[in-house]
Amino acid sequence: MADSEQDNTDRGDGDNLKSDKLFTLKKWNAVAMWSWDVECDTCAICRVQVMDACLRCQAESKKDFYGRQDCVVVWGECNHSFHYCCMSLWVKQNNRCPLCQQEWSIQRMGK
């Protein structure tokens, strides 16, 4: 603290000093990342991140109204998440969660 007070007195009156800028910010590009609020961010069936379209939707090039990949995420009562396309095929063979083996029932669906 004494050093900063000394610097101000060395330069003269602190209020009348011209501001010494270390740098001027000319451009700033902000980047934002998002993710689903899920326990595991990878679909255990197709091994693709739930934020992305599943392999089946990618192959069929399914698009929604805005031109994005139209692949819905489904959460079970166990709070595990999967692509709806993957899980709908899975439950035809086995009506249990692929991760915890609990009886499968849908808690919610979303994009």
PDB file of N, CA and C in Angstrom:
ATOM      1  N   MET A   1       0.826  -1.182   0.000  1.00  0.00           N
ATOM      2  CA  MET A   1       0.000   0.000   0.000  1.00  0.00           C
ATOM      3  C   MET A   1       0.866   1.240   0.000  1.00  0.00           C
ATOM      4  N   ALA A   2       1.969   1.216   0.733  1.00  0.00           N
ATOM      5  CA  ALA A   2       2.863   2.364   0.796  1.00  0.00           C
ATOM      6  C   ALA A   2       3.496   2.611  -0.566  1.00  0.00           C
ATOM      7  N   ASP A   3       3.785   1.556  -1.329  1.00  0.00           N
ATOM      8  CA  ASP A   3       4.377   1.709  -2.660  1.00  0.00           C
ATOM      9  C   ASP A   3       3.442   2.453  -3.603  1.00  0.00           C
ATOM     10  N   SER A   4       2.136   2.137  -3.576  1.00  0.00           N
ATOM     11  CA  SER A   4       1.195   2.802  -4.471  1.00  0.00           C
ATOM     12  C   SER A   4       1.014   4.264  -4.081  1.00  0.00           C
ATOM     13  N   GLU A   5       1.044   4.562  -2.778  1.00  0.00           N
ATOM     14  CA  GLU A   5       0.959   5.951  -2.348  1.00  0.00           C
ATOM     15  C   GLU A   5       2.197   6.710  -2.777  1.00  0.00           C
ATOM     16  N   GLN A   6       3.342   6.036  -2.716  1.00  0.00           N
ATOM     17  CA  GLN A   6       4.594   6.674  -3.105  1.00  0.00           C
ATOM     18  C   GLN A   6       4.596   6.949  -4.602  1.00  0.00           C
ATOM     19  N   ASP A   7       4.071   6.021  -5.414  1.00  0.00           N
ATOM     20  CA  ASP A   7       4.002   6.217  -6.861  1.00  0.00           C
ATOM     21  C   ASP A   7       3.161   7.437  -7.203  1.00  0.00           C
ATOM     22  N   ASN A   8       2.040   7.654  -6.493  1.00  0.00           N
ATOM     23  CA  ASN A   8       1.186   8.807  -6.739  1.00  0.00           C
ATOM     24  C   ASN A   8       1.885  10.105  -6.371  1.00  0.00           C
ATOM     25  N   THR A   9       2.651  10.081  -5.296  1.00  0.00           N
ATOM     26  CA  THR A   9       3.339  11.308  -4.876  1.00  0.00           C
ATOM     27  C   THR A   9       4.519  11.585  -5.796  1.00  0.00           C
ATOM     28  N   ASP A  10       5.162  10.544  -6.356  1.00  0.00           N
ATOM     29  CA  ASP A  10       6.268  10.747  -7.284  1.00  0.00           C
ATOM     30  C   ASP A  10       5.794  11.423  -8.556  1.00  0.00           C
ATOM     31  N   ARG A  11       4.578  11.129  -8.988  1.00  0.00           N
ATOM     32  CA  ARG A  11       4.046  11.670 -10.231  1.00  0.00           C
ATOM     33  C   ARG A  11       3.367  13.021 -10.017  1.00  0.00           C
ATOM     34  N   GLY A  12       3.100  13.385  -8.823  1.00  0.00           N
ATOM     35  CA  GLY A  12       2.386  14.623  -8.546  1.00  0.00           C
ATOM     36  C   GLY A  12       1.054  14.285  -7.915  1.00  0.00           C
ATOM     37  N   ASP A  13       0.095  15.176  -8.089  1.00  0.00           N
ATOM     38  CA  ASP A  13      -1.234  14.983  -7.514  1.00  0.00           C
ATOM     39  C   ASP A  13      -1.945  13.845  -8.242  1.00  0.00           C
ATOM     40  N   GLY A  14      -2.436  12.813  -7.529  1.00  0.00           N
ATOM     41  CA  GLY A  14      -3.081  11.632  -8.100  1.00  0.00           C
ATOM     42  C   GLY A  14      -4.357  11.955  -8.855  1.00  0.00           C
ATOM     43  N   ASP A  15      -5.089  13.010  -8.470  1.00  0.00           N
ATOM     44  CA  ASP A  15      -6.355  13.346  -9.122  1.00  0.00           C
ATOM     45  C   ASP A  15      -6.125  13.997 -10.488  1.00  0.00           C
ATOM     46  N   ASN A  16      -5.013  14.668 -10.655  1.00  0.00           N
ATOM     47  CA  ASN A  16      -4.764  15.398 -11.888  1.00  0.00           C
ATOM     48  C   ASN A  16      -3.957  14.585 -12.903  1.00  0.00           C
ATOM     49  N   LEU A  17      -3.656  13.348 -12.578  1.00  0.00           N
ATOM     50  CA  LEU A  17      -2.853  12.519 -13.483  1.00  0.00           C
ATOM     51  C   LEU A  17      -3.647  12.078 -14.691  1.00  0.00           C
ATOM     52  N   LYS A  18      -2.975  12.026 -15.822  1.00  0.00           N
ATOM     53  CA  LYS A  18      -3.579  11.456 -17.014  1.00  0.00           C
ATOM     54  C   LYS A  18      -3.494   9.945 -16.862  1.00  0.00           C
ATOM     55  N   SER A  19      -4.557   9.223 -17.218  1.00  0.00           N
ATOM     56  CA  SER A  19      -4.602   7.773 -17.033  1.00  0.00           C
ATOM     57  C   SER A  19      -3.598   7.094 -17.961  1.00  0.00           C
ATOM     58  N   ASP A  20      -2.720   6.290 -17.381  1.00  0.00           N
ATOM     59  CA  ASP A  20      -1.766   5.503 -18.166  1.00  0.00           C
ATOM     60  C   ASP A  20      -2.405   4.157 -18.472  1.00  0.00           C
ATOM     61  N   LYS A  21      -2.759   3.937 -19.733  1.00  0.00           N
ATOM     62  CA  LYS A  21      -3.392   2.692 -20.127  1.00  0.00           C
ATOM     63  C   LYS A  21      -2.323   1.670 -20.466  1.00  0.00           C
ATOM     64  N   LEU A  22      -2.499   0.471 -19.934  1.00  0.00           N
ATOM     65  CA  LEU A  22      -1.597  -0.609 -20.282  1.00  0.00           C
ATOM     66  C   LEU A  22      -1.921  -1.151 -21.664  1.00  0.00           C
ATOM     67  N   PHE A  23      -3.214  -1.195 -21.986  1.00  0.00           N
ATOM     68  CA  PHE A  23      -3.635  -1.671 -23.306  1.00  0.00           C
ATOM     69  C   PHE A  23      -5.035  -1.141 -23.597  1.00  0.00           C
ATOM     70  N   THR A  24      -5.403  -1.198 -24.847  1.00  0.00           N
ATOM     71  CA  THR A  24      -6.739  -0.824 -25.279  1.00  0.00           C
ATOM     72  C   THR A  24      -7.373  -2.036 -25.933  1.00  0.00           C
ATOM     73  N   LEU A  25      -8.530  -2.389 -25.464  1.00  0.00           N
ATOM     74  CA  LEU A  25      -9.243  -3.530 -26.011  1.00  0.00           C
ATOM     75  C   LEU A  25      -9.935  -3.089 -27.297  1.00  0.00           C
ATOM     76  N   LYS A  26      -9.523  -3.678 -28.428  1.00  0.00           N
ATOM     77  CA  LYS A  26     -10.089  -3.281 -29.715  1.00  0.00           C
ATOM     78  C   LYS A  26     -11.188  -4.231 -30.181  1.00  0.00           C
ATOM     79  N   LYS A  27     -11.078  -5.497 -29.831  1.00  0.00           N
ATOM     80  CA  LYS A  27     -12.071  -6.473 -30.266  1.00  0.00           C
ATOM     81  C   LYS A  27     -12.177  -7.565 -29.216  1.00  0.00           C
ATOM     82  N   TRP A  28     -13.411  -8.027 -29.001  1.00  0.00           N
ATOM     83  CA  TRP A  28     -13.636  -9.096 -28.036  1.00  0.00           C
ATOM     84  C   TRP A  28     -14.681 -10.038 -28.594  1.00  0.00           C
ATOM     85  N   ASN A  29     -14.324 -11.289 -28.738  1.00  0.00           N
ATOM     86  CA  ASN A  29     -15.241 -12.315 -29.218  1.00  0.00           C
ATOM     87  C   ASN A  29     -15.601 -13.227 -28.057  1.00  0.00           C
ATOM     88  N   ALA A  30     -16.836 -13.144 -27.614  1.00  0.00           N
ATOM     89  CA  ALA A  30     -17.293 -13.989 -26.517  1.00  0.00           C
ATOM     90  C   ALA A  30     -17.735 -15.338 -27.072  1.00  0.00           C
ATOM     91  N   VAL A  31     -17.376 -16.399 -26.392  1.00  0.00           N
ATOM     92  CA  VAL A  31     -17.755 -17.745 -26.794  1.00  0.00           C
ATOM     93  C   VAL A  31     -18.541 -18.369 -25.647  1.00  0.00           C
ATOM     94  N   ALA A  32     -19.684 -18.943 -25.964  1.00  0.00           N
ATOM     95  CA  ALA A  32     -20.510 -19.594 -24.947  1.00  0.00           C
ATOM     96  C   ALA A  32     -20.644 -21.069 -25.282  1.00  0.00           C
ATOM     97  N   MET A  33     -20.593 -21.893 -24.282  1.00  0.00           N
ATOM     98  CA  MET A  33     -20.793 -23.330 -24.443  1.00  0.00           C
ATOM     99  C   MET A  33     -22.018 -23.712 -23.633  1.00  0.00           C
ATOM    100  N   TRP A  34     -22.749 -24.701 -24.104  1.00  0.00           N
ATOM    101  CA  TRP A  34     -23.903 -25.175 -23.366  1.00  0.00           C
ATOM    102  C   TRP A  34     -23.903 -26.687 -23.383  1.00  0.00           C
ATOM    103  N   SER A  35     -24.633 -27.243 -22.465  1.00  0.00           N
ATOM    104  CA  SER A  35     -24.784 -28.698 -22.428  1.00  0.00           C
ATOM    105  C   SER A  35     -26.083 -29.024 -21.705  1.00  0.00           C
ATOM    106  N   TRP A  36     -26.586 -30.202 -21.939  1.00  0.00           N
ATOM    107  CA  TRP A  36     -27.769 -30.673 -21.249  1.00  0.00           C
ATOM    108  C   TRP A  36     -27.439 -30.877 -19.777  1.00  0.00           C
ATOM    109  N   ASP A  37     -28.425 -30.669 -18.935  1.00  0.00           N
ATOM    110  CA  ASP A  37     -28.261 -30.919 -17.514  1.00  0.00           C
ATOM    111  C   ASP A  37     -28.526 -32.404 -17.269  1.00  0.00           C
ATOM    112  N   VAL A  38     -27.529 -33.209 -17.584  1.00  0.00           N
ATOM    113  CA  VAL A  38     -27.687 -34.657 -17.505  1.00  0.00           C
ATOM    114  C   VAL A  38     -26.560 -35.266 -16.694  1.00  0.00           C
ATOM    115  N   GLU A  39     -26.822 -36.447 -16.182  1.00  0.00           N
ATOM    116  CA  GLU A  39     -25.818 -37.179 -15.416  1.00  0.00           C
ATOM    117  C   GLU A  39     -24.686 -37.641 -16.325  1.00  0.00           C
ATOM    118  N   CYS A  40     -25.047 -38.105 -17.521  1.00  0.00           N
ATOM    119  CA  CYS A  40     -24.077 -38.587 -18.499  1.00  0.00           C
ATOM    120  C   CYS A  40     -24.404 -37.928 -19.830  1.00  0.00           C
ATOM    121  N   ASP A  41     -23.438 -37.280 -20.457  1.00  0.00           N
ATOM    122  CA  ASP A  41     -23.736 -36.528 -21.676  1.00  0.00           C
ATOM    123  C   ASP A  41     -23.587 -37.341 -22.960  1.00  0.00           C
ATOM    124  N   THR A  42     -23.399 -38.646 -22.843  1.00  0.00           N
ATOM    125  CA  THR A  42     -23.279 -39.522 -24.004  1.00  0.00           C
ATOM    126  C   THR A  42     -24.390 -40.567 -23.961  1.00  0.00           C
ATOM    127  N   CYS A  43     -25.050 -40.745 -25.092  1.00  0.00           N
ATOM    128  CA  CYS A  43     -26.085 -41.776 -25.197  1.00  0.00           C
ATOM    129  C   CYS A  43     -25.398 -43.142 -25.115  1.00  0.00           C
ATOM    130  N   ALA A  44     -25.794 -43.957 -24.160  1.00  0.00           N
ATOM    131  CA  ALA A  44     -25.152 -45.256 -23.941  1.00  0.00           C
ATOM    132  C   ALA A  44     -25.491 -46.256 -25.045  1.00  0.00           C
ATOM    133  N   ILE A  45     -26.472 -45.951 -25.867  1.00  0.00           N
ATOM    134  CA  ILE A  45     -26.878 -46.873 -26.923  1.00  0.00           C
ATOM    135  C   ILE A  45     -26.053 -46.644 -28.190  1.00  0.00           C
ATOM    136  N   CYS A  46     -25.997 -45.392 -28.659  1.00  0.00           N
ATOM    137  CA  CYS A  46     -25.267 -45.115 -29.905  1.00  0.00           C
ATOM    138  C   CYS A  46     -23.878 -44.518 -29.676  1.00  0.00           C
ATOM    139  N   ARG A  47     -23.568 -44.154 -28.431  1.00  0.00           N
ATOM    140  CA  ARG A  47     -22.264 -43.585 -28.046  1.00  0.00           C
ATOM    141  C   ARG A  47     -21.982 -42.216 -28.679  1.00  0.00           C
ATOM    142  N   VAL A  48     -23.037 -41.457 -28.961  1.00  0.00           N
ATOM    143  CA  VAL A  48     -22.916 -40.092 -29.472  1.00  0.00           C
ATOM    144  C   VAL A  48     -23.406 -39.160 -28.379  1.00  0.00           C
ATOM    145  N   GLN A  49     -22.814 -37.979 -28.267  1.00  0.00           N
ATOM    146  CA  GLN A  49     -23.262 -37.034 -27.243  1.00  0.00           C
ATOM    147  C   GLN A  49     -24.729 -36.697 -27.445  1.00  0.00           C
ATOM    148  N   VAL A  50     -25.470 -36.571 -26.346  1.00  0.00           N
ATOM    149  CA  VAL A  50     -26.899 -36.288 -26.444  1.00  0.00           C
ATOM    150  C   VAL A  50     -27.176 -34.906 -27.023  1.00  0.00           C
ATOM    151  N   MET A  51     -26.201 -33.996 -26.995  1.00  0.00           N
ATOM    152  CA  MET A  51     -26.371 -32.678 -27.599  1.00  0.00           C
ATOM    153  C   MET A  51     -26.424 -32.781 -29.125  1.00  0.00           C
ATOM    154  N   ASP A  52     -25.805 -33.815 -29.680  1.00  0.00           N
ATOM    155  CA  ASP A  52     -25.772 -34.012 -31.123  1.00  0.00           C
ATOM    156  C   ASP A  52     -26.863 -34.995 -31.528  1.00  0.00           C
ATOM    157  N   ALA A  53     -27.146 -35.039 -32.806  1.00  0.00           N
ATOM    158  CA  ALA A  53     -28.128 -35.997 -33.325  1.00  0.00           C
ATOM    159  C   ALA A  53     -27.543 -37.403 -33.251  1.00  0.00           C
ATOM    160  N   CYS A  54     -28.425 -38.379 -33.049  1.00  0.00           N
ATOM    161  CA  CYS A  54     -27.972 -39.767 -32.995  1.00  0.00           C
ATOM    162  C   CYS A  54     -27.524 -40.217 -34.386  1.00  0.00           C
ATOM    163  N   LEU A  55     -26.878 -41.353 -34.449  1.00  0.00           N
ATOM    164  CA  LEU A  55     -26.358 -41.846 -35.719  1.00  0.00           C
ATOM    165  C   LEU A  55     -27.461 -42.056 -36.743  1.00  0.00           C
ATOM    166  N   ARG A  56     -28.601 -42.541 -36.289  1.00  0.00           N
ATOM    167  CA  ARG A  56     -29.718 -42.789 -37.202  1.00  0.00           C
ATOM    168  C   ARG A  56     -30.222 -41.484 -37.810  1.00  0.00           C
ATOM    169  N   CYS A  57     -30.406 -40.459 -36.989  1.00  0.00           N
ATOM    170  CA  CYS A  57     -30.864 -39.158 -37.490  1.00  0.00           C
ATOM    171  C   CYS A  57     -29.819 -38.504 -38.396  1.00  0.00           C
ATOM    172  N   GLN A  58     -28.543 -38.691 -38.066  1.00  0.00           N
ATOM    173  CA  GLN A  58     -27.490 -38.155 -38.921  1.00  0.00           C
ATOM    174  C   GLN A  58     -27.520 -38.830 -40.285  1.00  0.00           C
ATOM    175  N   ALA A  59     -27.710 -40.141 -40.302  1.00  0.00           N
ATOM    176  CA  ALA A  59     -27.725 -40.886 -41.557  1.00  0.00           C
ATOM    177  C   ALA A  59     -28.943 -40.531 -42.408  1.00  0.00           C
ATOM    178  N   GLU A  60     -30.081 -40.313 -41.748  1.00  0.00           N
ATOM    179  CA  GLU A  60     -31.303 -39.989 -42.470  1.00  0.00           C
ATOM    180  C   GLU A  60     -31.447 -38.494 -42.722  1.00  0.00           C
ATOM    181  N   SER A  61     -30.500 -37.714 -42.192  1.00  0.00           N
ATOM    182  CA  SER A  61     -30.504 -36.249 -42.337  1.00  0.00           C
ATOM    183  C   SER A  61     -31.833 -35.632 -41.934  1.00  0.00           C
ATOM    184  N   LYS A  62     -32.376 -36.077 -40.814  1.00  0.00           N
ATOM    185  CA  LYS A  62     -33.619 -35.496 -40.308  1.00  0.00           C
ATOM    186  C   LYS A  62     -33.352 -34.069 -39.848  1.00  0.00           C
ATOM    187  N   LYS A  63     -34.175 -33.140 -40.285  1.00  0.00           N
ATOM    188  CA  LYS A  63     -34.024 -31.734 -39.917  1.00  0.00           C
ATOM    189  C   LYS A  63     -35.336 -31.220 -39.340  1.00  0.00           C
ATOM    190  N   ASP A  64     -35.236 -30.271 -38.409  1.00  0.00           N
ATOM    191  CA  ASP A  64     -36.445 -29.650 -37.885  1.00  0.00           C
ATOM    192  C   ASP A  64     -36.773 -28.411 -38.716  1.00  0.00           C
ATOM    193  N   PHE A  65     -37.720 -27.612 -38.263  1.00  0.00           N
ATOM    194  CA  PHE A  65     -38.188 -26.434 -38.971  1.00  0.00           C
ATOM    195  C   PHE A  65     -37.058 -25.436 -39.247  1.00  0.00           C
ATOM    196  N   TYR A  66     -36.088 -25.340 -38.338  1.00  0.00           N
ATOM    197  CA  TYR A  66     -35.001 -24.376 -38.462  1.00  0.00           C
ATOM    198  C   TYR A  66     -33.781 -24.939 -39.178  1.00  0.00           C
ATOM    199  N   GLY A  67     -33.850 -26.169 -39.654  1.00  0.00           N
ATOM    200  CA  GLY A  67     -32.730 -26.780 -40.365  1.00  0.00           C
ATOM    201  C   GLY A  67     -31.726 -27.469 -39.465  1.00  0.00           C
ATOM    202  N   ARG A  68     -32.049 -27.573 -38.164  1.00  0.00           N
ATOM    203  CA  ARG A  68     -31.163 -28.266 -37.231  1.00  0.00           C
ATOM    204  C   ARG A  68     -31.496 -29.751 -37.239  1.00  0.00           C
ATOM    205  N   GLN A  69     -30.570 -30.553 -36.778  1.00  0.00           N
ATOM    206  CA  GLN A  69     -30.835 -31.990 -36.658  1.00  0.00           C
ATOM    207  C   GLN A  69     -31.982 -32.180 -35.675  1.00  0.00           C
ATOM    208  N   ASP A  70     -33.008 -32.891 -36.097  1.00  0.00           N
ATOM    209  CA  ASP A  70     -34.192 -33.088 -35.261  1.00  0.00           C
ATOM    210  C   ASP A  70     -34.062 -34.399 -34.498  1.00  0.00           C
ATOM    211  N   CYS A  71     -33.449 -34.341 -33.351  1.00  0.00           N
ATOM    212  CA  CYS A  71     -33.250 -35.530 -32.527  1.00  0.00           C
ATOM    213  C   CYS A  71     -33.561 -35.153 -31.077  1.00  0.00           C
ATOM    214  N   VAL A  72     -34.563 -35.780 -30.507  1.00  0.00           N
ATOM    215  CA  VAL A  72     -35.066 -35.431 -29.179  1.00  0.00           C
ATOM    216  C   VAL A  72     -34.366 -36.283 -28.124  1.00  0.00           C
ATOM    217  N   VAL A  73     -34.133 -35.691 -26.976  1.00  0.00           N
ATOM    218  CA  VAL A  73     -33.529 -36.394 -25.848  1.00  0.00           C
ATOM    219  C   VAL A  73     -34.639 -36.810 -24.893  1.00  0.00           C
ATOM    220  N   VAL A  74     -34.531 -38.015 -24.357  1.00  0.00           N
ATOM    221  CA  VAL A  74     -35.526 -38.531 -23.419  1.00  0.00           C
ATOM    222  C   VAL A  74     -34.825 -38.910 -22.110  1.00  0.00           C
ATOM    223  N   TRP A  75     -35.446 -38.526 -20.980  1.00  0.00           N
ATOM    224  CA  TRP A  75     -34.934 -38.863 -19.653  1.00  0.00           C
ATOM    225  C   TRP A  75     -35.861 -39.876 -19.017  1.00  0.00           C
ATOM    226  N   GLY A  76     -35.282 -40.864 -18.367  1.00  0.00           N
ATOM    227  CA  GLY A  76     -36.078 -41.842 -17.639  1.00  0.00           C
ATOM    228  C   GLY A  76     -36.260 -41.436 -16.194  1.00  0.00           C
ATOM    229  N   GLU A  77     -37.082 -42.178 -15.469  1.00  0.00           N
ATOM    230  CA  GLU A  77     -37.283 -41.932 -14.039  1.00  0.00           C
ATOM    231  C   GLU A  77     -35.972 -42.063 -13.270  1.00  0.00           C
ATOM    232  N   CYS A  78     -35.040 -42.831 -13.821  1.00  0.00           N
ATOM    233  CA  CYS A  78     -33.727 -43.016 -13.196  1.00  0.00           C
ATOM    234  C   CYS A  78     -32.786 -41.842 -13.474  1.00  0.00           C
ATOM    235  N   ASN A  79     -33.249 -40.859 -14.253  1.00  0.00           N
ATOM    236  CA  ASN A  79     -32.514 -39.659 -14.638  1.00  0.00           C
ATOM    237  C   ASN A  79     -31.397 -39.922 -15.648  1.00  0.00           C
ATOM    238  N   HIS A  80     -31.395 -41.075 -16.294  1.00  0.00           N
ATOM    239  CA  HIS A  80     -30.466 -41.322 -17.391  1.00  0.00           C
ATOM    240  C   HIS A  80     -31.096 -40.805 -18.681  1.00  0.00           C
ATOM    241  N   SER A  81     -30.265 -40.282 -19.577  1.00  0.00           N
ATOM    242  CA  SER A  81     -30.779 -39.685 -20.803  1.00  0.00           C
ATOM    243  C   SER A  81     -30.241 -40.406 -22.029  1.00  0.00           C
ATOM    244  N   PHE A  82     -31.079 -40.457 -23.052  1.00  0.00           N
ATOM    245  CA  PHE A  82     -30.738 -41.108 -24.313  1.00  0.00           C
ATOM    246  C   PHE A  82     -31.437 -40.362 -25.441  1.00  0.00           C
ATOM    247  N   HIS A  83     -30.994 -40.597 -26.656  1.00  0.00           N
ATOM    248  CA  HIS A  83     -31.744 -40.108 -27.805  1.00  0.00           C
ATOM    249  C   HIS A  83     -33.060 -40.888 -27.870  1.00  0.00           C
ATOM    250  N   TYR A  84     -34.127 -40.205 -28.172  1.00  0.00           N
ATOM    251  CA  TYR A  84     -35.430 -40.870 -28.244  1.00  0.00           C
ATOM    252  C   TYR A  84     -35.429 -41.967 -29.313  1.00  0.00           C
ATOM    253  N   CYS A  85     -34.804 -41.702 -30.450  1.00  0.00           N
ATOM    254  CA  CYS A  85     -34.725 -42.708 -31.523  1.00  0.00           C
ATOM    255  C   CYS A  85     -34.040 -43.978 -31.020  1.00  0.00           C
ATOM    256  N   CYS A  86     -32.948 -43.824 -30.308  1.00  0.00           N
ATOM    257  CA  CYS A  86     -32.200 -44.973 -29.785  1.00  0.00           C
ATOM    258  C   CYS A  86     -33.030 -45.731 -28.750  1.00  0.00           C
ATOM    259  N   MET A  87     -33.641 -44.977 -27.836  1.00  0.00           N
ATOM    260  CA  MET A  87     -34.372 -45.618 -26.750  1.00  0.00           C
ATOM    261  C   MET A  87     -35.645 -46.291 -27.243  1.00  0.00           C
ATOM    262  N   SER A  88     -36.298 -45.717 -28.258  1.00  0.00           N
ATOM    263  CA  SER A  88     -37.524 -46.341 -28.768  1.00  0.00           C
ATOM    264  C   SER A  88     -37.221 -47.707 -29.388  1.00  0.00           C
ATOM    265  N   LEU A  89     -36.063 -47.847 -30.016  1.00  0.00           N
ATOM    266  CA  LEU A  89     -35.668 -49.158 -30.537  1.00  0.00           C
ATOM    267  C   LEU A  89     -35.261 -50.101 -29.409  1.00  0.00           C
ATOM    268  N   TRP A  90     -34.597 -49.546 -28.394  1.00  0.00           N
ATOM    269  CA  TRP A  90     -34.120 -50.355 -27.261  1.00  0.00           C
ATOM    270  C   TRP A  90     -35.278 -50.994 -26.494  1.00  0.00           C
ATOM    271  N   VAL A  91     -36.321 -50.212 -26.213  1.00  0.00           N
ATOM    272  CA  VAL A  91     -37.422 -50.725 -25.388  1.00  0.00           C
ATOM    273  C   VAL A  91     -38.243 -51.792 -26.117  1.00  0.00           C
ATOM    274  N   LYS A  92     -38.120 -51.874 -27.419  1.00  0.00           N
ATOM    275  CA  LYS A  92     -38.789 -52.964 -28.147  1.00  0.00           C
ATOM    276  C   LYS A  92     -38.164 -54.311 -27.782  1.00  0.00           C
ATOM    277  N   GLN A  93     -36.866 -54.297 -27.495  1.00  0.00           N
ATOM    278  CA  GLN A  93     -36.138 -55.503 -27.123  1.00  0.00           C
ATOM    279  C   GLN A  93     -36.136 -55.730 -25.608  1.00  0.00           C
ATOM    280  N   ASN A  94     -35.993 -54.642 -24.861  1.00  0.00           N
ATOM    281  CA  ASN A  94     -35.808 -54.732 -23.413  1.00  0.00           C
ATOM    282  C   ASN A  94     -36.359 -53.466 -22.779  1.00  0.00           C
ATOM    283  N   ASN A  95     -37.353 -53.567 -21.925  1.00  0.00           N
ATOM    284  CA  ASN A  95     -37.979 -52.388 -21.329  1.00  0.00           C
ATOM    285  C   ASN A  95     -37.281 -51.959 -20.038  1.00  0.00           C
ATOM    286  N   ARG A  96     -35.951 -51.960 -20.062  1.00  0.00           N
ATOM    287  CA  ARG A  96     -35.146 -51.530 -18.915  1.00  0.00           C
ATOM    288  C   ARG A  96     -34.114 -50.511 -19.368  1.00  0.00           C
ATOM    289  N   CYS A  97     -33.712 -49.667 -18.428  1.00  0.00           N
ATOM    290  CA  CYS A  97     -32.673 -48.682 -18.725  1.00  0.00           C
ATOM    291  C   CYS A  97     -31.376 -49.411 -19.060  1.00  0.00           C
ATOM    292  N   PRO A  98     -30.695 -49.045 -20.137  1.00  0.00           N
ATOM    293  CA  PRO A  98     -29.446 -49.707 -20.504  1.00  0.00           C
ATOM    294  C   PRO A  98     -28.320 -49.536 -19.479  1.00  0.00           C
ATOM    295  N   LEU A  99     -28.403 -48.508 -18.654  1.00  0.00           N
ATOM    296  CA  LEU A  99     -27.329 -48.245 -17.688  1.00  0.00           C
ATOM    297  C   LEU A  99     -27.571 -48.865 -16.317  1.00  0.00           C
ATOM    298  N   CYS A 100     -28.785 -48.728 -15.796  1.00  0.00           N
ATOM    299  CA  CYS A 100     -29.023 -49.178 -14.423  1.00  0.00           C
ATOM    300  C   CYS A 100     -30.004 -50.352 -14.322  1.00  0.00           C
ATOM    301  N   GLN A 101     -30.578 -50.728 -15.432  1.00  0.00           N
ATOM    302  CA  GLN A 101     -31.502 -51.868 -15.505  1.00  0.00           C
ATOM    303  C   GLN A 101     -32.812 -51.673 -14.750  1.00  0.00           C
ATOM    304  N   GLN A 102     -33.150 -50.443 -14.395  1.00  0.00           N
ATOM    305  CA  GLN A 102     -34.465 -50.181 -13.797  1.00  0.00           C
ATOM    306  C   GLN A 102     -35.524 -50.267 -14.896  1.00  0.00           C
ATOM    307  N   GLU A 103     -36.741 -50.561 -14.489  1.00  0.00           N
ATOM    308  CA  GLU A 103     -37.868 -50.562 -15.429  1.00  0.00           C
ATOM    309  C   GLU A 103     -37.930 -49.187 -16.089  1.00  0.00           C
ATOM    310  N   TRP A 104     -38.026 -49.159 -17.432  1.00  0.00           N
ATOM    311  CA  TRP A 104     -37.972 -47.885 -18.150  1.00  0.00           C
ATOM    312  C   TRP A 104     -39.337 -47.198 -18.174  1.00  0.00           C
ATOM    313  N   SER A 105     -39.364 -45.970 -17.728  1.00  0.00           N
ATOM    314  CA  SER A 105     -40.527 -45.106 -17.901  1.00  0.00           C
ATOM    315  C   SER A 105     -40.003 -43.694 -18.130  1.00  0.00           C
ATOM    316  N   ILE A 106     -40.634 -42.995 -19.036  1.00  0.00           N
ATOM    317  CA  ILE A 106     -40.162 -41.662 -19.434  1.00  0.00           C
ATOM    318  C   ILE A 106     -40.533 -40.636 -18.375  1.00  0.00           C
ATOM    319  N   GLN A 107     -39.532 -39.898 -17.938  1.00  0.00           N
ATOM    320  CA  GLN A 107     -39.752 -38.806 -16.993  1.00  0.00           C
ATOM    321  C   GLN A 107     -40.061 -37.522 -17.764  1.00  0.00           C
ATOM    322  N   ARG A 108     -39.243 -37.217 -18.782  1.00  0.00           N
ATOM    323  CA  ARG A 108     -39.473 -36.028 -19.603  1.00  0.00           C
ATOM    324  C   ARG A 108     -38.748 -36.166 -20.932  1.00  0.00           C
ATOM    325  N   MET A 109     -39.154 -35.336 -21.876  1.00  0.00           N
ATOM    326  CA  MET A 109     -38.519 -35.292 -23.196  1.00  0.00           C
ATOM    327  C   MET A 109     -38.190 -33.846 -23.508  1.00  0.00           C
ATOM    328  N   GLY A 110     -37.157 -33.626 -24.282  1.00  0.00           N
ATOM    329  CA  GLY A 110     -36.796 -32.268 -24.649  1.00  0.00           C
ATOM    330  C   GLY A 110     -35.740 -32.250 -25.713  1.00  0.00           C
ATOM    331  N   LYS A 111     -35.459 -31.055 -26.178  1.00  0.00           N
ATOM    332  CA  LYS A 111     -34.410 -30.896 -27.198  1.00  0.00           C
ATOM    333  C   LYS A 111     -33.164 -30.386 -26.569  1.00  0.00           C
TER     334      LYS A 111
END
